[in-house]
Amino acid sequence: MAGTTSGANDPQPALLPDPEERRRPPVHCRLCGRPLRDREARTWGLGPECRAKLELRAAPRPPDGPVEQDPLPGV
């Protein structure tokens, strides 16, 4: 075939990419901007400390049983 050479010193193509090419881009916490390292933090986009801060702001859980209340008028 014209244009192809098969010499012993031809470099072989890399089968796997270099580790630098496979690195994930850095992900930072949306609240404080610190870099996130673990999988759960990267998934949430929040570090564990910032997630704990936001849990304090969550609405209280409703009670498990029925709530006592006055009957609605007209019902």
N, C-alpha and C. Protein backbone atom coordinates (compact mmCIF):
# COMPACT_ATOMS: atom_id res chain seq x y z
N MET A 1 0.84 -1.18 0.00
CA MET A 1 0.00 0.00 0.00
C MET A 1 0.88 1.23 0.00
N ALA A 2 0.47 2.23 -0.69
CA ALA A 2 1.26 3.45 -0.78
C ALA A 2 1.01 4.32 0.43
N GLY A 3 2.07 4.90 0.99
CA GLY A 3 1.95 5.84 2.09
C GLY A 3 2.00 5.20 3.46
N THR A 4 1.99 3.89 3.56
CA THR A 4 2.06 3.26 4.88
C THR A 4 3.42 2.60 5.02
N THR A 5 3.99 2.76 6.17
CA THR A 5 5.27 2.11 6.47
C THR A 5 5.11 1.32 7.74
N SER A 6 5.72 0.20 7.80
CA SER A 6 5.67 -0.61 9.02
C SER A 6 7.09 -0.85 9.48
N GLY A 7 7.60 0.06 10.28
CA GLY A 7 8.96 -0.05 10.79
C GLY A 7 8.92 -0.45 12.26
N ALA A 8 10.04 -0.92 12.78
CA ALA A 8 10.10 -1.35 14.17
C ALA A 8 10.09 -0.17 15.12
N ASN A 9 10.47 1.01 14.65
CA ASN A 9 10.53 2.15 15.56
C ASN A 9 9.30 3.07 15.45
N ASP A 10 8.20 2.60 14.87
CA ASP A 10 6.97 3.37 14.84
C ASP A 10 6.34 3.33 16.24
N PRO A 11 5.99 4.49 16.80
CA PRO A 11 5.37 4.47 18.13
C PRO A 11 3.96 3.90 18.06
N GLN A 12 3.61 3.12 19.05
CA GLN A 12 2.27 2.55 19.13
C GLN A 12 1.33 3.58 19.75
N PRO A 13 0.10 3.62 19.31
CA PRO A 13 -0.84 4.55 19.95
C PRO A 13 -1.11 4.12 21.39
N ALA A 14 -1.31 5.08 22.25
CA ALA A 14 -1.58 4.78 23.66
C ALA A 14 -2.94 4.08 23.77
N LEU A 15 -2.97 3.00 24.52
CA LEU A 15 -4.22 2.28 24.70
C LEU A 15 -5.09 2.93 25.78
N LEU A 16 -4.46 3.49 26.79
CA LEU A 16 -5.19 4.16 27.86
C LEU A 16 -4.72 5.61 27.94
N PRO A 17 -5.63 6.52 28.25
CA PRO A 17 -5.20 7.91 28.38
C PRO A 17 -4.31 8.10 29.59
N ASP A 18 -3.52 9.15 29.57
CA ASP A 18 -2.68 9.47 30.72
C ASP A 18 -3.56 9.79 31.92
N PRO A 19 -3.08 9.52 33.14
CA PRO A 19 -3.89 9.81 34.33
C PRO A 19 -4.29 11.28 34.43
N GLU A 20 -3.47 12.20 33.95
CA GLU A 20 -3.82 13.61 34.00
C GLU A 20 -5.05 13.91 33.14
N GLU A 21 -5.22 13.18 32.06
CA GLU A 21 -6.37 13.42 31.18
C GLU A 21 -7.65 12.89 31.80
N ARG A 22 -7.57 11.92 32.70
CA ARG A 22 -8.75 11.32 33.30
C ARG A 22 -9.18 12.02 34.58
N ARG A 23 -8.42 12.98 35.04
CA ARG A 23 -8.76 13.67 36.28
C ARG A 23 -10.07 14.42 36.12
N ARG A 24 -10.87 14.38 37.19
CA ARG A 24 -12.13 15.12 37.18
C ARG A 24 -11.84 16.60 37.43
N PRO A 25 -12.62 17.46 36.84
CA PRO A 25 -12.43 18.88 37.13
C PRO A 25 -12.79 19.15 38.59
N PRO A 26 -12.15 20.12 39.21
CA PRO A 26 -12.45 20.40 40.62
C PRO A 26 -13.88 20.91 40.78
N VAL A 27 -14.53 20.44 41.83
CA VAL A 27 -15.89 20.88 42.16
C VAL A 27 -15.80 21.59 43.50
N HIS A 28 -16.41 22.74 43.58
CA HIS A 28 -16.35 23.54 44.80
C HIS A 28 -17.73 23.63 45.43
N CYS A 29 -17.74 23.77 46.75
CA CYS A 29 -18.98 23.90 47.51
C CYS A 29 -19.73 25.14 47.04
N ARG A 30 -21.02 25.00 46.83
CA ARG A 30 -21.83 26.14 46.37
C ARG A 30 -22.04 27.17 47.46
N LEU A 31 -21.83 26.78 48.72
CA LEU A 31 -22.07 27.71 49.82
C LEU A 31 -20.80 28.43 50.26
N CYS A 32 -19.71 27.68 50.46
CA CYS A 32 -18.49 28.29 50.99
C CYS A 32 -17.35 28.34 49.98
N GLY A 33 -17.42 27.58 48.88
CA GLY A 33 -16.40 27.62 47.85
C GLY A 33 -15.21 26.70 48.07
N ARG A 34 -15.21 25.92 49.16
CA ARG A 34 -14.09 24.99 49.39
C ARG A 34 -14.16 23.83 48.40
N PRO A 35 -13.02 23.24 48.04
CA PRO A 35 -13.04 22.10 47.12
C PRO A 35 -13.69 20.89 47.78
N LEU A 36 -14.47 20.15 46.99
CA LEU A 36 -15.17 18.96 47.48
C LEU A 36 -14.39 17.72 47.09
N ARG A 37 -14.28 16.77 48.01
CA ARG A 37 -13.45 15.60 47.78
C ARG A 37 -14.22 14.29 47.70
N ASP A 38 -15.22 14.09 48.55
CA ASP A 38 -15.89 12.79 48.54
C ASP A 38 -17.06 12.78 47.56
N ARG A 39 -17.52 11.59 47.26
CA ARG A 39 -18.55 11.41 46.22
C ARG A 39 -19.87 12.06 46.60
N GLU A 40 -20.28 11.89 47.85
CA GLU A 40 -21.56 12.45 48.28
C GLU A 40 -21.54 13.98 48.21
N ALA A 41 -20.43 14.57 48.64
CA ALA A 41 -20.32 16.03 48.59
C ALA A 41 -20.34 16.52 47.14
N ARG A 42 -19.66 15.81 46.25
CA ARG A 42 -19.66 16.21 44.84
C ARG A 42 -21.05 16.07 44.24
N THR A 43 -21.80 15.05 44.66
CA THR A 43 -23.15 14.85 44.15
C THR A 43 -24.08 15.98 44.59
N TRP A 44 -24.00 16.34 45.88
CA TRP A 44 -24.84 17.40 46.42
C TRP A 44 -24.37 18.78 45.99
N GLY A 45 -23.07 18.91 45.73
CA GLY A 45 -22.51 20.23 45.45
C GLY A 45 -22.28 21.02 46.72
N LEU A 46 -22.34 20.33 47.88
CA LEU A 46 -22.16 20.96 49.18
C LEU A 46 -21.26 20.08 50.03
N GLY A 47 -20.40 20.70 50.80
CA GLY A 47 -19.56 19.96 51.74
C GLY A 47 -20.38 19.50 52.94
N PRO A 48 -19.85 18.56 53.74
CA PRO A 48 -20.62 18.04 54.88
C PRO A 48 -20.98 19.13 55.90
N GLU A 49 -20.07 20.08 56.14
CA GLU A 49 -20.37 21.15 57.10
C GLU A 49 -21.50 22.04 56.60
N CYS A 50 -21.48 22.37 55.32
CA CYS A 50 -22.52 23.23 54.76
C CYS A 50 -23.85 22.50 54.67
N ARG A 51 -23.84 21.20 54.39
CA ARG A 51 -25.08 20.43 54.39
C ARG A 51 -25.68 20.43 55.79
N ALA A 52 -24.83 20.31 56.82
CA ALA A 52 -25.32 20.32 58.20
C ALA A 52 -25.95 21.68 58.53
N LYS A 53 -25.36 22.76 58.03
CA LYS A 53 -25.93 24.09 58.26
C LYS A 53 -27.31 24.21 57.63
N LEU A 54 -27.47 23.66 56.43
CA LEU A 54 -28.76 23.76 55.75
C LEU A 54 -29.81 22.86 56.39
N GLU A 55 -29.40 21.75 57.01
CA GLU A 55 -30.37 20.88 57.68
C GLU A 55 -31.02 21.60 58.85
N LEU A 56 -30.29 22.51 59.49
CA LEU A 56 -30.85 23.26 60.61
C LEU A 56 -31.97 24.19 60.13
N ARG A 57 -31.93 24.60 58.88
CA ARG A 57 -32.93 25.51 58.34
C ARG A 57 -34.14 24.78 57.77
N ALA A 58 -34.13 23.45 57.77
CA ALA A 58 -35.23 22.70 57.18
C ALA A 58 -36.49 22.80 58.05
N ALA A 59 -37.64 22.64 57.45
CA ALA A 59 -38.90 22.68 58.18
C ALA A 59 -38.99 21.47 59.10
N PRO A 60 -39.67 21.61 60.23
CA PRO A 60 -39.80 20.46 61.14
C PRO A 60 -40.65 19.36 60.51
N ARG A 61 -40.37 18.14 60.93
CA ARG A 61 -41.14 17.00 60.42
C ARG A 61 -42.54 17.02 61.01
N PRO A 62 -43.56 16.68 60.23
CA PRO A 62 -44.92 16.63 60.78
C PRO A 62 -45.05 15.45 61.74
N PRO A 63 -45.96 15.55 62.70
CA PRO A 63 -46.13 14.45 63.66
C PRO A 63 -46.65 13.20 62.97
N ASP A 64 -46.35 12.05 63.59
CA ASP A 64 -46.77 10.77 63.01
C ASP A 64 -48.26 10.52 63.19
N GLY A 65 -48.83 10.97 64.30
CA GLY A 65 -50.23 10.71 64.59
C GLY A 65 -51.12 11.85 64.13
N PRO A 66 -52.44 11.71 64.34
CA PRO A 66 -53.36 12.77 63.94
C PRO A 66 -53.16 14.02 64.82
N VAL A 67 -53.44 15.15 64.26
CA VAL A 67 -53.28 16.42 64.96
C VAL A 67 -54.64 16.87 65.47
N GLU A 68 -54.68 17.28 66.75
CA GLU A 68 -55.93 17.77 67.32
C GLU A 68 -56.17 19.18 66.81
N GLN A 69 -57.36 19.42 66.31
CA GLN A 69 -57.70 20.75 65.82
C GLN A 69 -59.19 20.96 65.95
N ASP A 70 -59.60 22.21 65.91
CA ASP A 70 -61.02 22.54 65.98
C ASP A 70 -61.68 22.13 64.68
N PRO A 71 -62.97 21.74 64.74
CA PRO A 71 -63.65 21.40 63.49
C PRO A 71 -63.82 22.64 62.61
N LEU A 72 -63.79 22.42 61.34
CA LEU A 72 -63.96 23.51 60.39
C LEU A 72 -65.42 23.93 60.35
N PRO A 73 -65.70 25.23 60.32
CA PRO A 73 -67.10 25.67 60.28
C PRO A 73 -67.74 25.30 58.94
N GLY A 74 -68.98 24.89 59.00
CA GLY A 74 -69.72 24.56 57.79
C GLY A 74 -69.46 23.17 57.28
N VAL A 75 -68.70 22.37 58.01
CA VAL A 75 -68.42 21.01 57.54
C VAL A 75 -69.10 20.01 58.42
